[in-house]
Amino acid sequence: MNRIEHAARLCEHYWPLIIRPNSKAPVDAFRNKAPPDVDRVIWELRRNPTLNIAIRLPWLVALDADDEPAKAIIRQHETPFIQATPSGGEHRLFRLPEGITANCRTRIGGIGLDLKTGQNSYLMMDFSRIDGIRYQLSDLVGPHDLPELDVTPFRREEPPIEPKPKNHPPDYARTLAWAADVLYREYFSFEHAGGDLGLFKAACFLIQRARLRPEDARDLLRQWNQSANVDVPWPDSRLAYKLREAERLRR
């Protein structure tokens, strides 16, 4: 199956999303919008063969493992839809049980395990490439051939705790955990989609909203900078500059 045939089959079964070349950033804004039809997708791929492609995840749930502990967990859940990623990770796709809702989560259990779901989330797909390395799917099956996933083990154990605005409360450790969860869930920096602004927004969140200690904000921003939320990691000097700017604006 060639790239165009693969894209046509994706459009037949799933909601496609066109992605920038050598990137995970969408070409166009897509949140809460209908997906493009197959003719538009094929036209775009023929016009620019270097484009990547993804699928959005309404009624679906994807497990994304970036390290060996995470792979061990997701391999306990069988599905025909298994995909190897360019970085050596693994994706597994499932149906979300009817009547069940779930939220996206990142670094579940403190390891490289993410859960993606919903029409405004997406999963990179086979024939896409990052730094010349291709995503590779075991078998392209339709949604009705996917098993349902019980998302209970992957739910957050407790709701996020809003940090108190002054000083550092006794439950600062919970504030730090809440800040990490929100940072990975809501903040992104993609080179071709306002990456510098995305970095600044992340720094402002840590300094102004979460009100973390400077050393904690620095360490958390460094970890985020090396995650899938950032397609091209920033140098430490840039991270430090954005944190200083966020601190200056808070005063």
Protein backbone atom coordinates (compact mmCIF):
# COMPACT_ATOMS: atom_id res chain seq x y z
CA MET A 1 0.00 0.00 0.00
CA ASN A 2 1.42 3.38 -0.95
CA ARG A 3 1.07 6.65 0.92
CA ILE A 4 -1.96 7.94 -1.00
CA GLU A 5 -3.83 4.63 -0.66
CA HIS A 6 -3.06 4.59 3.04
CA ALA A 7 -4.40 8.14 3.46
CA ALA A 8 -7.57 7.23 1.56
CA ARG A 9 -8.18 4.29 3.89
CA LEU A 10 -7.59 6.51 6.92
CA CYS A 11 -10.22 8.93 5.62
CA GLU A 12 -12.63 6.05 5.13
CA HIS A 13 -12.46 5.00 8.79
CA TYR A 14 -11.19 7.95 10.82
CA TRP A 15 -11.04 11.74 11.06
CA PRO A 16 -7.84 12.77 9.22
CA LEU A 17 -5.61 15.68 10.16
CA ILE A 18 -2.90 17.10 7.90
CA ILE A 19 0.42 17.70 9.70
CA ARG A 20 3.39 19.87 8.75
CA PRO A 21 6.47 18.13 7.26
CA ASN A 22 8.90 16.63 9.79
CA SER A 23 6.65 17.85 12.59
CA LYS A 24 3.73 16.99 14.86
CA ALA A 25 2.10 20.38 14.38
CA PRO A 26 -1.13 20.61 12.31
CA VAL A 27 -1.11 22.67 9.12
CA ASP A 28 -4.38 24.41 10.04
CA ALA A 29 -6.36 25.11 13.20
CA PHE A 30 -8.69 22.17 13.75
CA ARG A 31 -10.19 22.34 17.24
CA ASN A 32 -13.96 21.82 17.18
CA LYS A 33 -13.96 21.79 13.36
CA ALA A 34 -15.15 19.09 10.98
CA PRO A 35 -12.40 16.97 9.39
CA PRO A 36 -11.35 17.52 5.76
CA ASP A 37 -12.84 15.17 3.18
CA VAL A 38 -10.78 12.56 1.35
CA ASP A 39 -10.41 14.69 -1.80
CA ARG A 40 -8.87 17.55 0.19
CA VAL A 41 -6.47 15.20 1.98
CA ILE A 42 -5.33 13.49 -1.22
CA TRP A 43 -4.91 16.84 -2.98
CA GLU A 44 -2.76 18.18 -0.15
CA LEU A 45 -0.55 15.07 -0.04
CA ARG A 46 -0.02 15.09 -3.79
CA ARG A 47 0.76 18.80 -3.75
CA ASN A 48 3.29 18.33 -0.95
CA PRO A 49 4.48 14.72 -0.54
CA THR A 50 6.48 15.63 2.60
CA LEU A 51 3.36 16.38 4.66
CA ASN A 52 2.63 14.15 7.64
CA ILE A 53 -0.80 12.85 8.60
CA ALA A 54 -2.61 12.07 11.84
CA ILE A 55 -6.05 10.99 12.99
CA ARG A 56 -8.28 12.72 15.51
CA LEU A 57 -9.74 10.68 18.33
CA PRO A 58 -13.52 11.15 18.78
CA TRP A 59 -14.93 8.04 20.47
CA LEU A 60 -11.41 6.63 20.50
CA VAL A 61 -8.65 6.40 23.09
CA ALA A 62 -4.93 5.98 22.40
CA LEU A 63 -2.21 4.84 24.77
CA ASP A 64 1.18 6.35 23.96
CA ALA A 65 4.27 4.78 25.57
CA ASP A 66 7.64 6.50 25.35
CA ASP A 67 9.72 4.27 27.64
CA GLU A 68 10.00 0.62 28.64
CA PRO A 69 7.91 0.81 31.86
CA ALA A 70 5.10 2.45 29.87
CA LYS A 71 5.36 -0.16 27.10
CA ALA A 72 5.03 -2.93 29.68
CA ILE A 73 1.75 -1.39 30.85
CA ILE A 74 0.11 -0.80 27.49
CA ARG A 75 1.07 -4.28 26.25
CA GLN A 76 -1.31 -5.67 28.85
CA HIS A 77 -4.10 -4.33 26.61
CA GLU A 78 -4.47 -6.20 23.33
CA THR A 79 -5.49 -4.47 20.10
CA PRO A 80 -4.75 -5.06 16.40
CA PHE A 81 -3.87 -1.37 16.06
CA ILE A 82 -0.23 -1.15 17.20
CA GLN A 83 2.17 1.47 15.89
CA ALA A 84 5.90 1.98 16.40
CA THR A 85 7.05 5.60 16.66
CA PRO A 86 10.25 7.18 15.29
CA SER A 87 11.59 7.65 18.82
CA GLY A 88 11.18 3.96 19.69
CA GLY A 89 7.85 4.38 21.46
CA GLU A 90 4.58 2.56 20.85
CA HIS A 91 0.96 3.56 20.21
CA ARG A 92 -2.09 1.38 20.85
CA LEU A 93 -5.58 2.45 19.75
CA PHE A 94 -8.94 1.40 21.23
CA ARG A 95 -12.60 2.35 21.23
CA LEU A 96 -13.92 4.34 24.17
CA PRO A 97 -16.83 2.42 25.76
CA GLU A 98 -20.23 3.94 25.02
CA GLY A 99 -21.34 6.42 27.65
CA ILE A 100 -17.82 6.77 29.08
CA THR A 101 -15.86 10.00 28.99
CA ALA A 102 -12.16 10.45 29.66
CA ASN A 103 -9.64 13.26 29.71
CA CYS A 104 -6.23 13.35 28.11
CA ARG A 105 -3.39 12.69 30.52
CA THR A 106 0.38 12.85 30.25
CA ARG A 107 3.13 11.06 32.17
CA ILE A 108 0.69 8.85 34.01
CA GLY A 109 2.34 7.41 37.10
CA GLY A 110 5.43 9.53 36.49
CA ILE A 111 6.54 7.45 33.48
CA GLY A 112 6.37 8.01 29.71
CA LEU A 113 2.72 7.00 29.44
CA ASP A 114 0.15 9.33 27.85
CA LEU A 115 -3.56 8.86 27.23
CA LYS A 116 -5.11 10.72 24.30
CA THR A 117 -8.82 10.93 23.54
CA GLY A 118 -11.44 13.30 22.11
CA GLN A 119 -12.04 15.14 18.84
CA ASN A 120 -9.45 17.78 19.73
CA SER A 121 -6.70 15.21 20.34
CA TYR A 122 -4.82 13.39 17.62
CA LEU A 123 -2.42 10.55 16.95
CA MET A 124 0.38 10.65 14.40
CA MET A 125 0.00 7.96 11.74
CA ASP A 126 1.97 5.59 9.53
CA PHE A 127 3.84 7.13 6.56
CA SER A 128 4.53 10.22 8.66
CA ARG A 129 8.22 10.86 9.34
CA ILE A 130 10.21 12.70 11.99
CA ASP A 131 13.87 13.29 11.13
CA GLY A 132 13.52 10.77 8.32
CA ILE A 133 12.22 7.96 10.57
CA ARG A 134 8.75 6.65 9.80
CA TYR A 135 5.84 5.72 12.04
CA GLN A 136 5.02 2.07 11.31
CA LEU A 137 1.56 0.61 11.85
CA SER A 138 1.03 -3.14 12.26
CA ASP A 139 -2.45 -3.26 10.72
CA LEU A 140 -4.86 -0.53 9.63
CA VAL A 141 -8.22 -1.68 10.93
CA GLY A 142 -11.47 0.26 11.26
CA PRO A 143 -12.92 1.49 14.55
CA HIS A 144 -15.40 -1.38 14.77
CA ASP A 145 -12.49 -3.83 14.83
CA LEU A 146 -10.92 -2.14 17.83
CA PRO A 147 -11.55 -3.48 21.33
CA GLU A 148 -12.93 -1.22 24.01
CA LEU A 149 -10.51 0.03 26.65
CA ASP A 150 -11.41 0.24 30.32
CA VAL A 151 -9.96 3.65 31.15
CA THR A 152 -10.48 3.29 34.91
CA PRO A 153 -6.81 2.41 35.65
CA PHE A 154 -5.70 5.52 33.76
CA ARG A 155 -8.00 8.06 35.41
CA ARG A 156 -6.64 10.68 37.73
CA GLU A 157 -6.93 9.53 41.32
CA GLU A 158 -8.03 12.94 42.51
CA PRO A 159 -8.99 16.26 40.88
CA PRO A 160 -6.27 18.85 40.40
CA ILE A 161 -5.69 21.08 43.40
CA GLU A 162 -5.80 24.80 42.68
CA PRO A 163 -2.75 26.45 44.23
CA LYS A 164 -3.22 29.20 46.78
CA PRO A 165 -2.01 32.56 45.51
CA LYS A 166 0.20 33.60 48.42
CA ASN A 167 3.31 32.03 49.91
CA HIS A 168 3.75 28.24 49.72
CA PRO A 169 1.05 26.27 51.56
CA PRO A 170 1.72 23.05 53.50
CA ASP A 171 0.40 21.08 50.52
CA TYR A 172 2.99 22.58 48.16
CA ALA A 173 3.85 19.09 46.92
CA ARG A 174 0.27 18.75 45.68
CA THR A 175 0.50 22.15 44.02
CA LEU A 176 3.67 21.00 42.26
CA ALA A 177 1.96 17.82 41.04
CA TRP A 178 -1.04 19.84 39.85
CA ALA A 179 1.23 22.26 37.98
CA ALA A 180 3.04 19.39 36.23
CA ASP A 181 -0.25 17.82 35.16
CA VAL A 182 -1.62 21.08 33.72
CA LEU A 183 1.69 21.92 32.02
CA TYR A 184 1.82 18.63 30.11
CA ARG A 185 -1.91 18.66 29.35
CA GLU A 186 -2.39 22.22 28.15
CA TYR A 187 0.92 23.74 26.99
CA PHE A 188 2.78 22.98 23.74
CA SER A 189 5.64 24.48 21.73
CA PHE A 190 5.75 23.48 18.06
CA GLU A 191 8.31 25.18 15.84
CA HIS A 192 5.89 26.07 13.02
CA ALA A 193 2.93 26.93 15.25
CA GLY A 194 4.00 29.79 17.49
CA GLY A 195 6.59 27.76 19.39
CA ASP A 196 8.26 30.73 21.09
CA LEU A 197 4.89 32.01 22.32
CA GLY A 198 4.02 28.52 23.53
CA LEU A 199 7.22 28.45 25.59
CA PHE A 200 6.46 31.87 27.09
CA LYS A 201 2.91 30.84 28.01
CA ALA A 202 4.27 27.74 29.76
CA ALA A 203 6.75 29.86 31.73
CA CYS A 204 4.02 32.34 32.70
CA PHE A 205 1.80 29.52 33.91
CA LEU A 206 4.51 28.15 36.19
CA ILE A 207 5.54 31.55 37.60
CA GLN A 208 2.32 33.55 37.63
CA ARG A 209 -0.51 31.04 37.99
CA ALA A 210 1.05 28.08 39.77
CA ARG A 211 3.46 30.40 41.67
CA LEU A 212 6.15 27.75 41.94
CA ARG A 213 9.52 28.35 43.53
CA PRO A 214 12.03 29.46 40.86
CA GLU A 215 14.05 26.25 41.10
CA ASP A 216 10.92 24.08 40.77
CA ALA A 217 9.63 26.10 37.82
CA ARG A 218 13.06 25.75 36.13
CA ASP A 219 13.23 21.98 36.67
CA LEU A 220 9.65 21.41 35.51
CA LEU A 221 10.11 23.55 32.40
CA ARG A 222 13.28 21.63 31.53
CA GLN A 223 11.44 18.30 31.78
CA TRP A 224 8.55 19.62 29.67
CA ASN A 225 11.06 20.92 27.10
CA GLN A 226 12.29 17.34 26.53
CA SER A 227 8.77 15.87 26.20
CA ALA A 228 6.53 15.30 23.17
CA ASN A 229 4.90 18.67 23.92
CA VAL A 230 7.93 20.36 22.31
CA ASP A 231 8.99 19.28 18.83
CA VAL A 232 12.34 21.15 18.86
CA PRO A 233 13.75 21.51 22.41
CA TRP A 234 14.89 24.97 23.47
CA PRO A 235 18.36 25.67 24.94
CA ASP A 236 18.52 26.20 28.70
CA SER A 237 19.41 29.84 28.16
CA ARG A 238 16.09 30.41 26.38
CA LEU A 239 14.16 28.68 29.14
CA ALA A 240 15.87 30.85 31.76
CA TYR A 241 15.11 34.01 29.77
CA LYS A 242 11.39 33.17 29.49
CA LEU A 243 11.18 32.42 33.21
CA ARG A 244 12.82 35.77 33.99
CA GLU A 245 10.37 37.56 31.71
CA ALA A 246 7.43 35.81 33.36
CA GLU A 247 8.76 36.81 36.79
CA ARG A 248 9.26 40.42 35.66
CA LEU A 249 5.67 40.66 34.40
CA ARG A 250 4.32 39.27 37.65
CA ARG A 251 5.69 42.16 39.65
